[in-house]
């Protein structure tokens, strides 16, 4: 018998496939259950609707990006300042989000799904990002590479800047490609944190 965690991952994987192929509006919990090879009640017990399922899916995908970027960028240069490492990590996360098919599908075709997390409250993926960024900012203040200020305030603005750049990337399409956008984001973040 598969563990609860494996079943949840199978359901989330199935949801990702459905949303990438059809969009959120045309995906049903029945479609997801069928693709995951589980019963409808198995899906409905955990998620009341597709919106809740997609929210958990986005959280999982964004946490995976945060972890992957943290591992990929960690410890490359012992001489690198905390600020430089943090900016490099954040721009790596931004690039991964810009390249992610699920994030791209939602931002391009159903951005209203992100409205709550853009305008009203922090989601669990925001909180996961802040758990990484806020202590790094405090460390950067200790090593002198990041300016003074409340680490929580700096972390929030830093994170929201990355998020808004990713979700608004189409506004830059006429003047910047992805590489250019990520490079400009790096300059912006570095300048914000620099003492």
Protein backbone atom coordinates (compact mmCIF):
# COMPACT_ATOMS: atom_id res chain seq x y z
CA UNK A 1 0.00 0.00 0.00
CA UNK A 2 1.34 3.42 -0.97
CA UNK A 3 2.01 5.90 1.80
CA UNK A 4 -0.21 8.95 2.21
CA UNK A 5 2.69 11.16 1.09
CA UNK A 6 3.19 9.13 -2.09
CA UNK A 7 -0.52 9.30 -2.90
CA UNK A 8 -0.52 13.07 -2.36
CA UNK A 9 2.51 13.45 -4.62
CA UNK A 10 0.86 11.28 -7.29
CA UNK A 11 -2.25 13.45 -7.11
CA UNK A 12 -0.20 16.66 -7.27
CA UNK A 13 1.78 15.26 -10.20
CA UNK A 14 -1.46 14.44 -11.98
CA UNK A 15 -2.82 17.90 -11.24
CA UNK A 16 0.33 19.47 -12.67
CA UNK A 17 -0.04 17.47 -15.88
CA UNK A 18 -3.71 18.43 -16.22
CA UNK A 19 -3.18 22.13 -15.50
CA UNK A 20 -0.21 22.39 -17.85
CA UNK A 21 -2.23 20.72 -20.60
CA UNK A 22 -5.68 22.23 -20.08
CA UNK A 23 -5.43 25.12 -17.64
CA UNK A 24 -7.01 25.40 -14.22
CA UNK A 25 -10.52 26.23 -15.41
CA UNK A 26 -10.75 23.12 -17.58
CA UNK A 27 -9.24 20.76 -14.99
CA UNK A 28 -11.57 18.88 -12.68
CA UNK A 29 -10.85 16.84 -9.58
CA UNK A 30 -12.29 13.87 -11.46
CA UNK A 31 -9.70 14.37 -14.22
CA UNK A 32 -6.95 14.53 -11.62
CA UNK A 33 -8.18 11.40 -9.82
CA UNK A 34 -8.35 9.49 -13.09
CA UNK A 35 -4.85 10.57 -14.14
CA UNK A 36 -3.45 9.75 -10.68
CA UNK A 37 -5.13 6.34 -10.66
CA UNK A 38 -6.99 6.99 -7.42
CA UNK A 39 -10.66 7.25 -6.51
CA UNK A 40 -12.46 10.60 -6.54
CA UNK A 41 -13.11 10.42 -2.78
CA UNK A 42 -9.35 10.12 -2.22
CA UNK A 43 -8.87 13.47 -3.94
CA UNK A 44 -11.98 15.13 -2.45
CA UNK A 45 -10.97 14.15 1.11
CA UNK A 46 -7.83 16.27 0.80
CA UNK A 47 -8.91 19.07 -1.56
CA UNK A 48 -12.42 20.53 -1.72
CA UNK A 49 -11.89 22.02 -5.20
CA UNK A 50 -9.37 22.53 -7.98
CA UNK A 51 -8.33 25.95 -6.65
CA UNK A 52 -7.22 24.44 -3.32
CA UNK A 53 -5.42 21.64 -5.15
CA UNK A 54 -3.61 24.09 -7.43
CA UNK A 55 -2.62 26.24 -4.43
CA UNK A 56 -0.97 23.21 -2.81
CA UNK A 57 0.60 22.27 -6.14
CA UNK A 58 2.12 25.74 -6.57
CA UNK A 59 3.42 25.64 -3.01
CA UNK A 60 5.08 22.30 -3.65
CA UNK A 61 6.64 23.47 -6.91
CA UNK A 62 7.90 26.74 -5.44
CA UNK A 63 9.40 24.97 -2.43
CA UNK A 64 11.17 22.59 -4.81
CA UNK A 65 12.58 25.58 -6.69
CA UNK A 66 13.75 27.22 -3.46
CA UNK A 67 15.45 24.04 -2.29
CA UNK A 68 17.03 23.29 -5.67
CA UNK A 69 18.40 26.80 -5.99
CA UNK A 70 19.68 26.75 -2.42
CA UNK A 71 21.56 23.51 -3.09
CA UNK A 72 22.83 24.59 -6.52
CA UNK A 73 24.08 27.98 -5.35
CA UNK A 74 25.32 27.06 -1.89
CA UNK A 75 29.02 27.20 -1.09
CA UNK A 76 30.40 28.06 -4.54
CA UNK A 77 32.78 30.75 -3.32
CA UNK A 78 34.01 31.07 0.25
CA UNK A 79 34.91 34.72 -0.43
CA UNK A 80 31.42 35.66 -1.63
CA UNK A 81 29.49 38.05 0.60
CA UNK A 82 26.13 37.06 2.01
CA UNK A 83 24.55 39.80 -0.11
CA UNK A 84 26.04 38.45 -3.34
CA UNK A 85 25.00 34.90 -2.50
CA UNK A 86 21.48 35.97 -1.60
CA UNK A 87 21.07 37.96 -4.81
CA UNK A 88 22.46 35.05 -6.84
CA UNK A 89 20.05 32.65 -5.14
CA UNK A 90 17.07 34.96 -5.66
CA UNK A 91 17.81 35.49 -9.34
CA UNK A 92 18.23 31.72 -9.74
CA UNK A 93 14.78 31.26 -8.19
CA UNK A 94 13.36 33.94 -10.50
CA UNK A 95 14.87 32.26 -13.56
CA UNK A 96 13.56 28.84 -12.48
CA UNK A 97 10.09 30.30 -11.97
CA UNK A 98 10.20 32.05 -15.35
CA UNK A 99 11.14 28.74 -16.98
CA UNK A 100 8.65 26.59 -15.02
CA UNK A 101 5.81 25.36 -17.27
CA UNK A 102 3.17 25.37 -14.53
CA UNK A 103 4.04 28.85 -13.27
CA UNK A 104 4.16 30.10 -16.85
CA UNK A 105 0.79 28.60 -17.68
CA UNK A 106 -0.88 30.18 -14.67
CA UNK A 107 0.80 33.60 -15.02
CA UNK A 108 0.03 33.75 -18.74
CA UNK A 109 -3.52 32.38 -18.82
CA UNK A 110 -5.02 32.53 -15.33
CA UNK A 111 -3.20 35.18 -13.29
CA UNK A 112 -6.29 35.86 -11.20
CA UNK A 113 -5.44 32.67 -9.29
CA UNK A 114 -2.42 34.50 -7.90
CA UNK A 115 -4.32 37.63 -6.89
CA UNK A 116 -4.83 36.60 -3.26
CA UNK A 117 -1.11 35.94 -2.85
CA UNK A 118 -0.13 39.08 -4.74
CA UNK A 119 -2.45 41.58 -3.06
CA UNK A 120 -3.93 40.20 0.16
CA UNK A 121 -1.86 37.70 2.10
CA UNK A 122 1.25 35.61 2.21
CA UNK A 123 0.93 31.98 1.24
CA UNK A 124 2.94 29.07 2.57
CA UNK A 125 5.47 29.35 -0.26
CA UNK A 126 6.04 33.00 0.70
CA UNK A 127 6.61 31.95 4.28
CA UNK A 128 9.10 29.29 3.15
CA UNK A 129 10.99 31.94 1.16
CA UNK A 130 11.00 34.33 4.11
CA UNK A 131 12.38 31.58 6.35
CA UNK A 132 15.42 31.51 4.05
CA UNK A 133 15.74 35.21 3.24
CA UNK A 134 15.28 36.86 6.63
CA UNK A 135 18.11 35.03 8.43
CA UNK A 136 20.37 35.52 5.40
CA UNK A 137 19.72 39.26 5.56
CA UNK A 138 20.58 39.27 9.27
CA UNK A 139 23.81 37.37 8.46
CA UNK A 140 24.60 39.89 5.71
CA UNK A 141 24.10 42.73 8.15
CA UNK A 142 26.56 41.01 10.49
CA UNK A 143 29.20 40.63 7.77
CA UNK A 144 28.61 44.23 6.59
CA UNK A 145 27.45 43.33 3.09
CA UNK A 146 23.79 44.27 3.70
CA UNK A 147 22.56 47.64 4.92
CA UNK A 148 20.98 48.25 8.30
CA UNK A 149 17.24 47.88 8.72
CA UNK A 150 14.71 45.47 10.09
CA UNK A 151 15.56 42.10 8.49
CA UNK A 152 11.85 41.21 8.31
CA UNK A 153 11.05 44.38 6.35
CA UNK A 154 14.01 43.94 4.00
CA UNK A 155 13.15 40.27 3.46
CA UNK A 156 9.52 41.01 2.63
CA UNK A 157 10.35 43.70 0.09
CA UNK A 158 13.13 41.56 -1.40
CA UNK A 159 10.76 38.59 -1.81
CA UNK A 160 7.89 40.64 -3.22
CA UNK A 161 10.25 42.25 -5.73
CA UNK A 162 11.27 38.82 -7.04
CA UNK A 163 7.66 37.63 -7.14
CA UNK A 164 6.37 40.71 -8.93
CA UNK A 165 9.17 40.61 -11.47
CA UNK A 166 8.29 37.01 -12.31
CA UNK A 167 4.55 37.54 -12.48
CA UNK A 168 4.94 40.76 -14.50
CA UNK A 169 7.57 39.47 -16.93
CA UNK A 170 5.32 40.01 -19.96
CA UNK A 171 5.48 43.77 -19.30
CA UNK A 172 9.18 43.64 -20.17
CA UNK A 173 8.87 41.51 -23.31
CA UNK A 174 9.42 44.41 -25.72
CA UNK A 175 12.62 45.54 -24.04
CA UNK A 176 14.18 42.51 -22.30
CA UNK A 177 14.49 38.79 -22.84
CA UNK A 178 14.64 36.45 -19.82
CA UNK A 179 18.41 36.80 -19.43
CA UNK A 180 18.15 40.58 -19.53
CA UNK A 181 15.28 40.62 -17.06
CA UNK A 182 17.15 38.40 -14.60
CA UNK A 183 20.27 40.57 -14.97
CA UNK A 184 18.29 43.74 -14.24
CA UNK A 185 16.60 42.06 -11.27
CA UNK A 186 20.05 41.21 -9.93
CA UNK A 187 21.12 44.87 -10.16
CA UNK A 188 17.91 45.98 -8.47
CA UNK A 189 18.17 43.51 -5.58
CA UNK A 190 21.87 44.16 -5.05
CA UNK A 191 21.32 47.91 -4.98
CA UNK A 192 18.46 47.56 -2.48
CA UNK A 193 20.55 45.53 -0.06
CA UNK A 194 23.90 47.29 -0.52
CA UNK A 195 25.06 49.36 2.49
